[in-house]
């Protein structure tokens, strides 16, 4: 039975990226390539409206282990 709900896919992908990153850090002594990656994002941008202030920002560091976890999450989702 295949679940076609995109919320399951997003949650599974996020979980698998987190698990992949944790495993990459745990095995970094044996396989240092797992921690190779690049950071993406933008710094904080502030919008001041005199009544309140909103600050926006985003950053992510995607590693090889995280990409492997992401691919595994997509494969697991397709098998469900």
PDB file of N, CA and C in Angstrom:
ATOM      1  N   UNK A   1       0.845  -1.174   0.000  1.00  0.00           N
ATOM      2  CA  UNK A   1       0.000   0.000   0.000  1.00  0.00           C
ATOM      3  C   UNK A   1       0.890   1.237   0.000  1.00  0.00           C
ATOM      4  N   UNK A   2       0.710   2.088  -0.996  1.00  0.00           N
ATOM      5  CA  UNK A   2       1.553   3.267  -1.140  1.00  0.00           C
ATOM      6  C   UNK A   2       0.860   4.494  -0.584  1.00  0.00           C
ATOM      7  N   UNK A   3       1.566   5.214   0.260  1.00  0.00           N
ATOM      8  CA  UNK A   3       1.038   6.445   0.823  1.00  0.00           C
ATOM      9  C   UNK A   3       1.460   7.594  -0.085  1.00  0.00           C
ATOM     10  N   UNK A   4       0.508   8.347  -0.590  1.00  0.00           N
ATOM     11  CA  UNK A   4       0.842   9.428  -1.510  1.00  0.00           C
ATOM     12  C   UNK A   4       0.815  10.785  -0.825  1.00  0.00           C
ATOM     13  N   UNK A   5       0.865  10.810   0.472  1.00  0.00           N
ATOM     14  CA  UNK A   5       0.821  12.056   1.197  1.00  0.00           C
ATOM     15  C   UNK A   5       2.218  12.678   1.231  1.00  0.00           C
ATOM     16  N   UNK A   6       2.333  13.916   0.788  1.00  0.00           N
ATOM     17  CA  UNK A   6       3.641  14.557   0.715  1.00  0.00           C
ATOM     18  C   UNK A   6       4.203  14.895   2.092  1.00  0.00           C
ATOM     19  N   UNK A   7       3.374  14.987   3.112  1.00  0.00           N
ATOM     20  CA  UNK A   7       3.870  15.252   4.458  1.00  0.00           C
ATOM     21  C   UNK A   7       4.728  14.091   4.931  1.00  0.00           C
ATOM     22  N   UNK A   8       4.322  12.855   4.630  1.00  0.00           N
ATOM     23  CA  UNK A   8       5.127  11.690   4.993  1.00  0.00           C
ATOM     24  C   UNK A   8       6.483  11.743   4.295  1.00  0.00           C
ATOM     25  N   UNK A   9       6.485  12.136   3.030  1.00  0.00           N
ATOM     26  CA  UNK A   9       7.743  12.214   2.291  1.00  0.00           C
ATOM     27  C   UNK A   9       8.670  13.256   2.902  1.00  0.00           C
ATOM     28  N   UNK A  10       8.159  14.422   3.216  1.00  0.00           N
ATOM     29  CA  UNK A  10       8.981  15.487   3.793  1.00  0.00           C
ATOM     30  C   UNK A  10       9.530  15.067   5.149  1.00  0.00           C
ATOM     31  N   UNK A  11       8.684  14.503   5.999  1.00  0.00           N
ATOM     32  CA  UNK A  11       9.143  14.053   7.320  1.00  0.00           C
ATOM     33  C   UNK A  11      10.180  12.941   7.207  1.00  0.00           C
ATOM     34  N   UNK A  12       9.973  12.022   6.291  1.00  0.00           N
ATOM     35  CA  UNK A  12      10.914  10.924   6.104  1.00  0.00           C
ATOM     36  C   UNK A  12      12.244  11.441   5.569  1.00  0.00           C
ATOM     37  N   UNK A  13      12.209  12.408   4.657  1.00  0.00           N
ATOM     38  CA  UNK A  13      13.445  12.974   4.128  1.00  0.00           C
ATOM     39  C   UNK A  13      14.206  13.743   5.201  1.00  0.00           C
ATOM     40  N   UNK A  14      13.508  14.540   5.997  1.00  0.00           N
ATOM     41  CA  UNK A  14      14.172  15.278   7.072  1.00  0.00           C
ATOM     42  C   UNK A  14      14.792  14.337   8.096  1.00  0.00           C
ATOM     43  N   UNK A  15      14.036  13.310   8.473  1.00  0.00           N
ATOM     44  CA  UNK A  15      14.536  12.336   9.440  1.00  0.00           C
ATOM     45  C   UNK A  15      15.755  11.604   8.895  1.00  0.00           C
ATOM     46  N   UNK A  16      15.708  11.209   7.632  1.00  0.00           N
ATOM     47  CA  UNK A  16      16.829  10.456   7.067  1.00  0.00           C
ATOM     48  C   UNK A  16      18.071  11.335   6.900  1.00  0.00           C
ATOM     49  N   UNK A  17      17.899  12.623   6.596  1.00  0.00           N
ATOM     50  CA  UNK A  17      19.045  13.523   6.503  1.00  0.00           C
ATOM     51  C   UNK A  17      19.689  13.699   7.877  1.00  0.00           C
ATOM     52  N   UNK A  18      18.866  13.849   8.910  1.00  0.00           N
ATOM     53  CA  UNK A  18      19.395  14.000  10.268  1.00  0.00           C
ATOM     54  C   UNK A  18      20.138  12.737  10.699  1.00  0.00           C
ATOM     55  N   UNK A  19      19.545  11.580  10.451  1.00  0.00           N
ATOM     56  CA  UNK A  19      20.197  10.320  10.813  1.00  0.00           C
ATOM     57  C   UNK A  19      21.491  10.136  10.020  1.00  0.00           C
ATOM     58  N   UNK A  20      21.467  10.468   8.724  1.00  0.00           N
ATOM     59  CA  UNK A  20      22.671  10.364   7.909  1.00  0.00           C
ATOM     60  C   UNK A  20      23.783  11.270   8.405  1.00  0.00           C
ATOM     61  N   UNK A  21      23.429  12.489   8.812  1.00  0.00           N
ATOM     62  CA  UNK A  21      24.432  13.411   9.330  1.00  0.00           C
ATOM     63  C   UNK A  21      25.012  12.921  10.649  1.00  0.00           C
ATOM     64  N   UNK A  22      24.165  12.395  11.513  1.00  0.00           N
ATOM     65  CA  UNK A  22      24.646  11.853  12.791  1.00  0.00           C
ATOM     66  C   UNK A  22      25.576  10.673  12.556  1.00  0.00           C
ATOM     67  N   UNK A  23      25.204   9.770  11.651  1.00  0.00           N
ATOM     68  CA  UNK A  23      26.071   8.629  11.348  1.00  0.00           C
ATOM     69  C   UNK A  23      27.368   9.081  10.687  1.00  0.00           C
ATOM     70  N   UNK A  24      27.298  10.120   9.870  1.00  0.00           N
ATOM     71  CA  UNK A  24      28.504  10.650   9.243  1.00  0.00           C
ATOM     72  C   UNK A  24      29.484  11.196  10.270  1.00  0.00           C
ATOM     73  N   UNK A  25      28.954  11.878  11.291  1.00  0.00           N
ATOM     74  CA  UNK A  25      29.833  12.386  12.345  1.00  0.00           C
ATOM     75  C   UNK A  25      30.373  11.255  13.211  1.00  0.00           C
ATOM     76  N   UNK A  26      29.578  10.214  13.419  1.00  0.00           N
ATOM     77  CA  UNK A  26      30.013   9.088  14.242  1.00  0.00           C
ATOM     78  C   UNK A  26      31.135   8.303  13.562  1.00  0.00           C
ATOM     79  N   UNK A  27      31.071   8.187  12.235  1.00  0.00           N
ATOM     80  CA  UNK A  27      32.067   7.412  11.503  1.00  0.00           C
ATOM     81  C   UNK A  27      33.071   8.291  10.770  1.00  0.00           C
ATOM     82  N   UNK A  28      33.229   9.539  11.211  1.00  0.00           N
ATOM     83  CA  UNK A  28      34.128  10.458  10.513  1.00  0.00           C
ATOM     84  C   UNK A  28      35.591  10.042  10.622  1.00  0.00           C
ATOM     85  N   UNK A  29      35.945   9.288  11.649  1.00  0.00           N
ATOM     86  CA  UNK A  29      37.338   8.832  11.771  1.00  0.00           C
ATOM     87  C   UNK A  29      37.669   7.788  10.723  1.00  0.00           C
ATOM     88  N   UNK A  30      36.702   6.916  10.396  1.00  0.00           N
ATOM     89  CA  UNK A  30      36.941   5.863   9.421  1.00  0.00           C
ATOM     90  C   UNK A  30      36.764   6.356   7.990  1.00  0.00           C
ATOM     91  N   UNK A  31      35.747   7.182   7.762  1.00  0.00           N
ATOM     92  CA  UNK A  31      35.443   7.688   6.424  1.00  0.00           C
ATOM     93  C   UNK A  31      35.289   9.210   6.469  1.00  0.00           C
ATOM     94  N   UNK A  32      36.379   9.949   6.381  1.00  0.00           N
ATOM     95  CA  UNK A  32      36.282  11.407   6.493  1.00  0.00           C
ATOM     96  C   UNK A  32      35.529  12.067   5.341  1.00  0.00           C
ATOM     97  N   UNK A  33      35.363  11.368   4.228  1.00  0.00           N
ATOM     98  CA  UNK A  33      34.639  11.938   3.083  1.00  0.00           C
ATOM     99  C   UNK A  33      33.161  12.176   3.413  1.00  0.00           C
ATOM    100  N   UNK A  34      32.637  11.460   4.414  1.00  0.00           N
ATOM    101  CA  UNK A  34      31.221  11.609   4.763  1.00  0.00           C
ATOM    102  C   UNK A  34      30.902  12.996   5.297  1.00  0.00           C
ATOM    103  N   UNK A  35      31.881  13.687   5.849  1.00  0.00           N
ATOM    104  CA  UNK A  35      31.642  15.015   6.401  1.00  0.00           C
ATOM    105  C   UNK A  35      31.958  16.138   5.434  1.00  0.00           C
ATOM    106  N   UNK A  36      32.313  15.799   4.200  1.00  0.00           N
ATOM    107  CA  UNK A  36      32.572  16.831   3.209  1.00  0.00           C
ATOM    108  C   UNK A  36      31.243  17.423   2.766  1.00  0.00           C
ATOM    109  N   UNK A  37      31.165  18.733   2.737  1.00  0.00           N
ATOM    110  CA  UNK A  37      29.924  19.364   2.309  1.00  0.00           C
ATOM    111  C   UNK A  37      30.063  20.870   2.218  1.00  0.00           C
ATOM    112  N   UNK A  38      29.001  21.488   1.808  1.00  0.00           N
ATOM    113  CA  UNK A  38      28.959  22.932   1.639  1.00  0.00           C
ATOM    114  C   UNK A  38      27.787  23.503   2.407  1.00  0.00           C
ATOM    115  N   UNK A  39      27.960  24.699   2.891  1.00  0.00           N
ATOM    116  CA  UNK A  39      26.879  25.404   3.560  1.00  0.00           C
ATOM    117  C   UNK A  39      26.186  26.343   2.595  1.00  0.00           C
ATOM    118  N   UNK A  40      24.877  26.399   2.680  1.00  0.00           N
ATOM    119  CA  UNK A  40      24.105  27.313   1.848  1.00  0.00           C
ATOM    120  C   UNK A  40      23.197  28.133   2.749  1.00  0.00           C
ATOM    121  N   UNK A  41      22.751  29.259   2.265  1.00  0.00           N
ATOM    122  CA  UNK A  41      21.828  30.065   3.032  1.00  0.00           C
ATOM    123  C   UNK A  41      22.111  31.537   2.886  1.00  0.00           C
ATOM    124  N   UNK A  42      21.418  32.308   3.688  1.00  0.00           N
ATOM    125  CA  UNK A  42      21.642  33.749   3.714  1.00  0.00           C
ATOM    126  C   UNK A  42      21.555  34.220   5.153  1.00  0.00           C
ATOM    127  N   UNK A  43      22.277  35.266   5.432  1.00  0.00           N
ATOM    128  CA  UNK A  43      22.346  35.800   6.783  1.00  0.00           C
ATOM    129  C   UNK A  43      21.059  36.485   7.190  1.00  0.00           C
ATOM    130  N   UNK A  44      21.005  36.908   8.422  1.00  0.00           N
ATOM    131  CA  UNK A  44      19.780  37.534   8.914  1.00  0.00           C
ATOM    132  C   UNK A  44      19.478  38.854   8.203  1.00  0.00           C
ATOM    133  N   UNK A  45      18.244  39.006   7.810  1.00  0.00           N
ATOM    134  CA  UNK A  45      17.745  40.249   7.223  1.00  0.00           C
ATOM    135  C   UNK A  45      16.635  40.754   8.134  1.00  0.00           C
ATOM    136  N   UNK A  46      16.705  42.001   8.509  1.00  0.00           N
ATOM    137  CA  UNK A  46      15.759  42.559   9.470  1.00  0.00           C
ATOM    138  C   UNK A  46      14.799  43.512   8.778  1.00  0.00           C
ATOM    139  N   UNK A  47      13.530  43.362   9.092  1.00  0.00           N
ATOM    140  CA  UNK A  47      12.470  44.249   8.607  1.00  0.00           C
ATOM    141  C   UNK A  47      11.906  44.989   9.815  1.00  0.00           C
ATOM    142  N   UNK A  48      12.175  46.290   9.880  1.00  0.00           N
ATOM    143  CA  UNK A  48      11.738  47.105  11.012  1.00  0.00           C
ATOM    144  C   UNK A  48      10.529  47.931  10.592  1.00  0.00           C
ATOM    145  N   UNK A  49       9.376  47.675  11.227  1.00  0.00           N
ATOM    146  CA  UNK A  49       8.138  48.376  10.894  1.00  0.00           C
ATOM    147  C   UNK A  49       7.677  49.322  11.996  1.00  0.00           C
ATOM    148  N   UNK A  50       8.577  49.731  12.843  1.00  0.00           N
ATOM    149  CA  UNK A  50       8.333  50.630  13.979  1.00  0.00           C
ATOM    150  C   UNK A  50       7.416  50.033  15.041  1.00  0.00           C
ATOM    151  N   UNK A  51       6.466  49.221  14.692  1.00  0.00           N
ATOM    152  CA  UNK A  51       5.613  48.567  15.679  1.00  0.00           C
ATOM    153  C   UNK A  51       6.265  47.266  16.138  1.00  0.00           C
ATOM    154  N   UNK A  52       6.806  46.538  15.196  1.00  0.00           N
ATOM    155  CA  UNK A  52       7.511  45.296  15.508  1.00  0.00           C
ATOM    156  C   UNK A  52       8.623  45.096  14.491  1.00  0.00           C
ATOM    157  N   UNK A  53       9.537  44.210  14.834  1.00  0.00           N
ATOM    158  CA  UNK A  53      10.682  43.909  13.982  1.00  0.00           C
ATOM    159  C   UNK A  53      10.679  42.420  13.671  1.00  0.00           C
ATOM    160  N   UNK A  54      10.884  42.101  12.398  1.00  0.00           N
ATOM    161  CA  UNK A  54      10.936  40.703  11.960  1.00  0.00           C
ATOM    162  C   UNK A  54      12.330  40.444  11.407  1.00  0.00           C
ATOM    163  N   UNK A  55      12.922  39.328  11.814  1.00  0.00           N
ATOM    164  CA  UNK A  55      14.238  38.944  11.313  1.00  0.00           C
ATOM    165  C   UNK A  55      14.117  37.611  10.588  1.00  0.00           C
ATOM    166  N   UNK A  56      14.593  37.578   9.351  1.00  0.00           N
ATOM    167  CA  UNK A  56      14.575  36.379   8.533  1.00  0.00           C
ATOM    168  C   UNK A  56      15.998  35.878   8.338  1.00  0.00           C
ATOM    169  N   UNK A  57      16.173  34.588   8.261  1.00  0.00           N
ATOM    170  CA  UNK A  57      17.475  34.005   7.986  1.00  0.00           C
ATOM    171  C   UNK A  57      17.341  32.515   7.731  1.00  0.00           C
ATOM    172  N   UNK A  58      18.285  31.974   6.981  1.00  0.00           N
ATOM    173  CA  UNK A  58      18.264  30.547   6.671  1.00  0.00           C
ATOM    174  C   UNK A  58      19.694  30.085   6.431  1.00  0.00           C
ATOM    175  N   UNK A  59      20.037  28.933   6.961  1.00  0.00           N
ATOM    176  CA  UNK A  59      21.327  28.317   6.657  1.00  0.00           C
ATOM    177  C   UNK A  59      21.193  26.806   6.776  1.00  0.00           C
ATOM    178  N   UNK A  60      21.923  26.110   5.925  1.00  0.00           N
ATOM    179  CA  UNK A  60      21.929  24.650   5.945  1.00  0.00           C
ATOM    180  C   UNK A  60      23.319  24.174   5.541  1.00  0.00           C
ATOM    181  N   UNK A  61      23.749  23.089   6.135  1.00  0.00           N
ATOM    182  CA  UNK A  61      25.037  22.488   5.805  1.00  0.00           C
ATOM    183  C   UNK A  61      24.759  21.051   5.372  1.00  0.00           C
ATOM    184  N   UNK A  62      24.814  20.806   4.095  1.00  0.00           N
ATOM    185  CA  UNK A  62      24.512  19.485   3.561  1.00  0.00           C
ATOM    186  C   UNK A  62      25.818  18.753   3.287  1.00  0.00           C
ATOM    187  N   UNK A  63      25.960  17.567   3.878  1.00  0.00           N
ATOM    188  CA  UNK A  63      27.173  16.767   3.727  1.00  0.00           C
ATOM    189  C   UNK A  63      26.886  15.543   2.864  1.00  0.00           C
ATOM    190  N   UNK A  64      27.934  14.825   2.547  1.00  0.00           N
ATOM    191  CA  UNK A  64      27.789  13.595   1.758  1.00  0.00           C
ATOM    192  C   UNK A  64      26.920  12.591   2.515  1.00  0.00           C
ATOM    193  N   UNK A  65      27.125  12.485   3.823  1.00  0.00           N
ATOM    194  CA  UNK A  65      26.312  11.568   4.628  1.00  0.00           C
ATOM    195  C   UNK A  65      24.846  11.995   4.616  1.00  0.00           C
ATOM    196  N   UNK A  66      24.584  13.287   4.639  1.00  0.00           N
ATOM    197  CA  UNK A  66      23.216  13.774   4.575  1.00  0.00           C
ATOM    198  C   UNK A  66      22.563  13.463   3.233  1.00  0.00           C
ATOM    199  N   UNK A  67      23.325  13.574   2.150  1.00  0.00           N
ATOM    200  CA  UNK A  67      22.800  13.251   0.824  1.00  0.00           C
ATOM    201  C   UNK A  67      22.497  11.760   0.721  1.00  0.00           C
ATOM    202  N   UNK A  68      23.371  10.928   1.268  1.00  0.00           N
ATOM    203  CA  UNK A  68      23.112   9.481   1.280  1.00  0.00           C
ATOM    204  C   UNK A  68      21.844   9.184   2.075  1.00  0.00           C
ATOM    205  N   UNK A  69      21.681   9.855   3.214  1.00  0.00           N
ATOM    206  CA  UNK A  69      20.461   9.683   4.002  1.00  0.00           C
ATOM    207  C   UNK A  69      19.227  10.147   3.253  1.00  0.00           C
ATOM    208  N   UNK A  70      19.347  11.250   2.519  1.00  0.00           N
ATOM    209  CA  UNK A  70      18.224  11.760   1.728  1.00  0.00           C
ATOM    210  C   UNK A  70      17.799  10.771   0.649  1.00  0.00           C
ATOM    211  N   UNK A  71      18.763  10.218  -0.035  1.00  0.00           N
ATOM    212  CA  UNK A  71      18.464   9.216  -1.069  1.00  0.00           C
ATOM    213  C   UNK A  71      17.833   7.976  -0.439  1.00  0.00           C
ATOM    214  N   UNK A  72      18.341   7.554   0.718  1.00  0.00           N
ATOM    215  CA  UNK A  72      17.758   6.399   1.406  1.00  0.00           C
ATOM    216  C   UNK A  72      16.322   6.689   1.830  1.00  0.00           C
ATOM    217  N   UNK A  73      16.041   7.895   2.279  1.00  0.00           N
ATOM    218  CA  UNK A  73      14.680   8.260   2.665  1.00  0.00           C
ATOM    219  C   UNK A  73      13.722   8.222   1.490  1.00  0.00           C
ATOM    220  N   UNK A  74      14.166   8.676   0.327  1.00  0.00           N
ATOM    221  CA  UNK A  74      13.320   8.640  -0.871  1.00  0.00           C
ATOM    222  C   UNK A  74      13.065   7.201  -1.291  1.00  0.00           C
ATOM    223  N   UNK A  75      14.090   6.355  -1.213  1.00  0.00           N
ATOM    224  CA  UNK A  75      13.914   4.948  -1.573  1.00  0.00           C
ATOM    225  C   UNK A  75      12.943   4.266  -0.605  1.00  0.00           C
ATOM    226  N   UNK A  76      13.083   4.554   0.684  1.00  0.00           N
ATOM    227  CA  UNK A  76      12.167   3.967   1.677  1.00  0.00           C
ATOM    228  C   UNK A  76      10.738   4.436   1.403  1.00  0.00           C
ATOM    229  N   UNK A  77      10.567   5.701   1.068  1.00  0.00           N
ATOM    230  CA  UNK A  77       9.212   6.218   0.783  1.00  0.00           C
ATOM    231  C   UNK A  77       8.592   5.511  -0.424  1.00  0.00           C
ATOM    232  N   UNK A  78       9.392   5.269  -1.449  1.00  0.00           N
ATOM    233  CA  UNK A  78       8.855   4.607  -2.638  1.00  0.00           C
ATOM    234  C   UNK A  78       8.483   3.155  -2.367  1.00  0.00           C
ATOM    235  N   UNK A  79       9.139   2.536  -1.378  1.00  0.00           N
ATOM    236  CA  UNK A  79       8.834   1.143  -1.033  1.00  0.00           C
ATOM    237  C   UNK A  79       7.553   1.032  -0.193  1.00  0.00           C
ATOM    238  N   UNK A  80       7.158   2.114   0.491  1.00  0.00           N
ATOM    239  CA  UNK A  80       5.961   2.060   1.329  1.00  0.00           C
ATOM    240  C   UNK A  80       4.694   1.965   0.506  1.00  0.00           C
TER     241      UNK A  80
END
